[in-house]
């Protein structure tokens, strides 16, 4: 696959990147280089290779999943402009 200057300009516009007309050939060449590298990766034989998340075998730390009330009601309501009886108080919007 080859990217021409028109396609490079369209991609730059979609990405909201301002590219000068004189820089379009270099941008198109850069896109072609990237696509060439991706095509090379597609030729690699990965038969029998396990997918991995990291280069080192590790397991993420886990915690017990339990439902709690948080125990921070006072801290949560501390910045509320109006709190009543442990809840946020909001003005009435519908009459």
N, C-alpha and C. Protein backbone atom coordinates (compact mmCIF):
# COMPACT_ATOMS: atom_id res chain seq x y z
N UNK A 1 0.85 -1.18 0.00
CA UNK A 1 0.00 0.00 0.00
C UNK A 1 0.89 1.23 0.00
N UNK A 2 0.51 2.22 -0.78
CA UNK A 2 1.30 3.43 -0.89
C UNK A 2 0.43 4.65 -0.61
N UNK A 3 0.98 5.57 0.14
CA UNK A 3 0.28 6.80 0.49
C UNK A 3 0.81 7.92 -0.40
N UNK A 4 -0.10 8.62 -1.10
CA UNK A 4 0.32 9.76 -1.91
C UNK A 4 0.12 11.04 -1.11
N UNK A 5 0.50 12.17 -1.70
CA UNK A 5 0.41 13.45 -0.99
C UNK A 5 -1.03 13.83 -0.67
N UNK A 6 -1.96 13.49 -1.57
CA UNK A 6 -3.37 13.80 -1.32
C UNK A 6 -3.91 13.06 -0.12
N UNK A 7 -3.54 11.78 0.00
CA UNK A 7 -3.98 10.98 1.15
C UNK A 7 -3.33 11.48 2.43
N UNK A 8 -2.06 11.86 2.34
CA UNK A 8 -1.36 12.40 3.51
C UNK A 8 -2.03 13.70 3.97
N UNK A 9 -2.45 14.54 3.03
CA UNK A 9 -3.14 15.78 3.38
C UNK A 9 -4.48 15.48 4.04
N UNK A 10 -5.18 14.47 3.52
CA UNK A 10 -6.48 14.10 4.10
C UNK A 10 -6.32 13.56 5.52
N UNK A 11 -5.31 12.72 5.74
CA UNK A 11 -5.05 12.18 7.07
C UNK A 11 -4.69 13.30 8.04
N UNK A 12 -3.88 14.24 7.59
CA UNK A 12 -3.51 15.38 8.44
C UNK A 12 -4.74 16.20 8.79
N UNK A 13 -5.62 16.39 7.83
CA UNK A 13 -6.84 17.16 8.09
C UNK A 13 -7.73 16.44 9.10
N UNK A 14 -7.88 15.11 8.93
CA UNK A 14 -8.70 14.34 9.86
C UNK A 14 -8.11 14.34 11.26
N UNK A 15 -6.78 14.39 11.35
CA UNK A 15 -6.10 14.41 12.64
C UNK A 15 -6.01 15.82 13.21
N UNK A 16 -6.53 16.79 12.47
CA UNK A 16 -6.50 18.21 12.88
C UNK A 16 -5.07 18.69 13.07
N UNK A 17 -4.19 18.28 12.13
CA UNK A 17 -2.79 18.69 12.15
C UNK A 17 -2.55 19.58 10.94
N UNK A 18 -2.07 20.79 11.19
CA UNK A 18 -1.77 21.70 10.09
C UNK A 18 -0.41 21.33 9.50
N UNK A 19 -0.41 21.00 8.22
CA UNK A 19 0.82 20.62 7.52
C UNK A 19 0.97 21.53 6.32
N UNK A 20 2.13 22.15 6.22
CA UNK A 20 2.39 23.02 5.07
C UNK A 20 2.46 22.19 3.80
N UNK A 21 2.08 22.80 2.69
CA UNK A 21 2.08 22.11 1.39
C UNK A 21 3.47 21.56 1.07
N UNK A 22 4.51 22.28 1.48
CA UNK A 22 5.87 21.84 1.19
C UNK A 22 6.28 20.63 2.03
N UNK A 23 5.59 20.39 3.14
CA UNK A 23 5.92 19.26 4.02
C UNK A 23 5.15 17.99 3.68
N UNK A 24 4.20 18.07 2.76
CA UNK A 24 3.39 16.89 2.42
C UNK A 24 4.19 15.74 1.83
N UNK A 25 5.17 15.98 0.96
CA UNK A 25 5.95 14.83 0.46
C UNK A 25 6.68 14.07 1.57
N UNK A 26 7.24 14.80 2.52
CA UNK A 26 7.94 14.15 3.63
C UNK A 26 6.96 13.38 4.50
N UNK A 27 5.77 13.94 4.72
CA UNK A 27 4.75 13.26 5.53
C UNK A 27 4.28 11.99 4.83
N UNK A 28 4.06 12.06 3.52
CA UNK A 28 3.65 10.88 2.77
C UNK A 28 4.74 9.80 2.84
N UNK A 29 6.00 10.19 2.73
CA UNK A 29 7.10 9.23 2.82
C UNK A 29 7.15 8.60 4.21
N UNK A 30 6.90 9.40 5.24
CA UNK A 30 6.90 8.87 6.61
C UNK A 30 5.78 7.85 6.79
N UNK A 31 4.60 8.16 6.25
CA UNK A 31 3.48 7.20 6.31
C UNK A 31 3.85 5.91 5.59
N UNK A 32 4.48 6.02 4.42
CA UNK A 32 4.88 4.84 3.66
C UNK A 32 5.90 4.00 4.43
N UNK A 33 6.81 4.65 5.13
CA UNK A 33 7.79 3.94 5.94
C UNK A 33 7.10 3.17 7.06
N UNK A 34 6.15 3.81 7.72
CA UNK A 34 5.41 3.16 8.81
C UNK A 34 4.62 1.97 8.28
N UNK A 35 3.93 2.15 7.15
CA UNK A 35 3.15 1.06 6.57
C UNK A 35 4.05 -0.09 6.12
N UNK A 36 5.23 0.23 5.62
CA UNK A 36 6.19 -0.81 5.24
C UNK A 36 6.62 -1.63 6.44
N UNK A 37 6.84 -0.97 7.56
CA UNK A 37 7.22 -1.67 8.77
C UNK A 37 6.08 -2.58 9.25
N UNK A 38 4.86 -2.09 9.16
CA UNK A 38 3.69 -2.89 9.57
C UNK A 38 3.57 -4.12 8.67
N UNK A 39 3.81 -3.95 7.37
CA UNK A 39 3.78 -5.10 6.46
C UNK A 39 4.85 -6.12 6.82
N UNK A 40 6.03 -5.66 7.23
CA UNK A 40 7.09 -6.57 7.66
C UNK A 40 6.65 -7.36 8.89
N UNK A 41 5.97 -6.70 9.82
CA UNK A 41 5.50 -7.39 11.02
C UNK A 41 4.48 -8.46 10.66
N UNK A 42 3.69 -8.21 9.62
CA UNK A 42 2.70 -9.19 9.19
C UNK A 42 3.33 -10.45 8.62
N UNK A 43 4.58 -10.40 8.20
CA UNK A 43 5.27 -11.55 7.62
C UNK A 43 5.92 -12.44 8.68
N UNK A 44 5.98 -11.99 9.92
CA UNK A 44 6.63 -12.74 10.98
C UNK A 44 5.78 -13.97 11.34
N UNK A 45 6.42 -15.12 11.46
CA UNK A 45 5.72 -16.35 11.83
C UNK A 45 5.54 -16.37 13.35
N UNK A 46 4.30 -16.29 13.79
CA UNK A 46 3.99 -16.29 15.23
C UNK A 46 3.21 -17.54 15.63
N UNK A 47 3.29 -18.55 14.81
CA UNK A 47 2.59 -19.81 15.09
C UNK A 47 3.11 -20.40 16.39
N UNK A 48 2.23 -20.67 17.32
CA UNK A 48 2.60 -21.27 18.60
C UNK A 48 3.12 -20.30 19.64
N UNK A 49 3.11 -19.01 19.34
CA UNK A 49 3.58 -18.02 20.30
C UNK A 49 2.37 -17.50 21.08
N UNK A 50 2.45 -17.59 22.39
CA UNK A 50 1.36 -17.13 23.25
C UNK A 50 1.29 -15.60 23.25
N UNK A 51 0.11 -15.03 23.16
CA UNK A 51 0.00 -13.58 23.31
C UNK A 51 0.41 -13.18 24.72
N UNK A 52 1.03 -12.01 24.84
CA UNK A 52 1.46 -11.58 26.17
C UNK A 52 1.16 -10.11 26.37
N UNK A 53 1.05 -9.76 27.64
CA UNK A 53 0.75 -8.38 28.01
C UNK A 53 2.04 -7.62 28.31
N UNK A 54 3.04 -8.33 28.79
CA UNK A 54 4.29 -7.70 29.19
C UNK A 54 5.45 -8.61 28.80
N UNK A 55 6.65 -8.06 28.75
CA UNK A 55 7.81 -8.88 28.42
C UNK A 55 8.27 -9.70 29.61
N UNK A 56 7.81 -9.35 30.79
CA UNK A 56 8.14 -10.13 31.97
C UNK A 56 6.87 -10.80 32.49
N UNK A 57 6.96 -12.06 32.87
CA UNK A 57 5.76 -12.74 33.38
C UNK A 57 5.40 -12.18 34.76
N UNK A 58 4.26 -11.56 34.86
CA UNK A 58 3.84 -11.02 36.15
C UNK A 58 2.33 -11.04 36.23
N UNK A 59 1.84 -11.03 37.42
CA UNK A 59 0.41 -11.02 37.66
C UNK A 59 0.07 -9.75 38.43
N UNK A 60 -0.98 -9.10 38.03
CA UNK A 60 -1.37 -7.88 38.72
C UNK A 60 -1.85 -8.19 40.13
N UNK A 61 -1.58 -7.27 41.04
CA UNK A 61 -2.05 -7.43 42.41
C UNK A 61 -3.57 -7.36 42.42
N UNK A 62 -4.15 -8.20 43.20
CA UNK A 62 -5.61 -8.22 43.30
C UNK A 62 -6.01 -8.00 44.74
N UNK A 63 -7.19 -7.47 44.91
CA UNK A 63 -7.72 -7.28 46.25
C UNK A 63 -9.08 -7.95 46.33
N UNK A 64 -9.51 -8.19 47.53
CA UNK A 64 -10.82 -8.77 47.74
C UNK A 64 -11.88 -7.78 47.27
N UNK A 65 -12.79 -8.24 46.46
CA UNK A 65 -13.85 -7.38 45.95
C UNK A 65 -15.04 -7.46 46.89
N UNK A 66 -15.27 -6.39 47.62
CA UNK A 66 -16.38 -6.37 48.56
C UNK A 66 -17.07 -5.03 48.54
N UNK A 67 -18.36 -5.04 48.77
CA UNK A 67 -19.15 -3.82 48.78
C UNK A 67 -19.08 -3.20 50.17
N UNK A 68 -18.72 -1.91 50.20
CA UNK A 68 -18.69 -1.17 51.47
C UNK A 68 -19.38 0.17 51.25
N UNK A 69 -19.66 0.84 52.33
CA UNK A 69 -20.26 2.17 52.19
C UNK A 69 -19.20 3.24 52.00
N UNK A 70 -17.95 2.87 52.04
CA UNK A 70 -16.87 3.81 51.83
C UNK A 70 -16.38 4.43 53.12
N UNK A 71 -17.29 4.65 54.04
CA UNK A 71 -16.91 5.21 55.33
C UNK A 71 -16.36 6.62 55.26
N UNK A 72 -16.69 7.38 54.20
CA UNK A 72 -16.15 8.72 54.04
C UNK A 72 -17.25 9.74 53.78
N UNK A 73 -18.41 9.51 54.33
CA UNK A 73 -19.54 10.39 54.06
C UNK A 73 -19.24 11.84 54.46
N UNK A 74 -18.60 12.03 55.58
CA UNK A 74 -18.28 13.39 56.02
C UNK A 74 -17.32 14.08 55.06
N UNK A 75 -16.31 13.35 54.58
CA UNK A 75 -15.36 13.94 53.64
C UNK A 75 -16.02 14.26 52.30
N UNK A 76 -16.91 13.39 51.84
CA UNK A 76 -17.58 13.61 50.56
C UNK A 76 -18.49 14.83 50.64
N UNK A 77 -19.19 14.97 51.74
CA UNK A 77 -20.14 16.08 51.87
C UNK A 77 -19.49 17.38 52.35
N UNK A 78 -18.20 17.35 52.69
CA UNK A 78 -17.53 18.53 53.22
C UNK A 78 -17.54 19.71 52.24
N UNK A 79 -17.45 19.45 50.94
CA UNK A 79 -17.40 20.53 49.95
C UNK A 79 -18.76 20.82 49.32
N UNK A 80 -19.79 20.15 49.77
CA UNK A 80 -21.11 20.38 49.20
C UNK A 80 -21.63 21.74 49.64
N UNK A 81 -22.23 22.51 48.71
CA UNK A 81 -22.78 23.80 49.10
C UNK A 81 -23.94 23.66 50.08
N UNK A 82 -24.67 22.56 49.98
CA UNK A 82 -25.80 22.35 50.88
C UNK A 82 -25.98 20.85 51.09
N UNK A 83 -25.75 20.40 52.32
CA UNK A 83 -25.93 18.99 52.64
C UNK A 83 -26.87 18.89 53.84
N UNK A 84 -27.83 17.97 53.72
CA UNK A 84 -28.80 17.79 54.80
C UNK A 84 -28.97 16.31 55.08
N UNK A 85 -28.92 15.96 56.34
CA UNK A 85 -29.17 14.60 56.80
C UNK A 85 -28.31 13.57 56.08
N UNK A 86 -27.06 13.93 55.75
CA UNK A 86 -26.15 13.01 55.12
C UNK A 86 -26.29 12.87 53.62
N UNK A 87 -27.01 13.79 52.99
CA UNK A 87 -27.22 13.75 51.54
C UNK A 87 -26.92 15.12 50.94
N UNK A 88 -26.67 15.15 49.62
CA UNK A 88 -26.55 16.40 48.89
C UNK A 88 -27.95 17.00 48.78
N UNK A 89 -28.06 18.27 49.08
CA UNK A 89 -29.34 18.96 48.90
C UNK A 89 -29.24 19.79 47.63
N UNK A 90 -30.20 19.61 46.74
CA UNK A 90 -30.20 20.34 45.47
C UNK A 90 -31.49 21.11 45.35
N UNK A 91 -31.46 22.25 44.64
CA UNK A 91 -32.69 23.02 44.50
C UNK A 91 -33.71 22.27 43.64
N UNK A 92 -34.96 22.55 43.91
CA UNK A 92 -36.04 21.94 43.15
C UNK A 92 -36.03 22.52 41.74
N UNK A 93 -36.14 21.66 40.72
CA UNK A 93 -36.10 22.12 39.34
C UNK A 93 -37.47 22.04 38.66
N UNK A 94 -38.31 21.16 39.11
CA UNK A 94 -39.63 21.01 38.50
C UNK A 94 -40.68 21.41 39.53
N UNK A 95 -41.61 22.22 39.10
CA UNK A 95 -42.66 22.66 40.04
C UNK A 95 -43.95 21.95 39.77
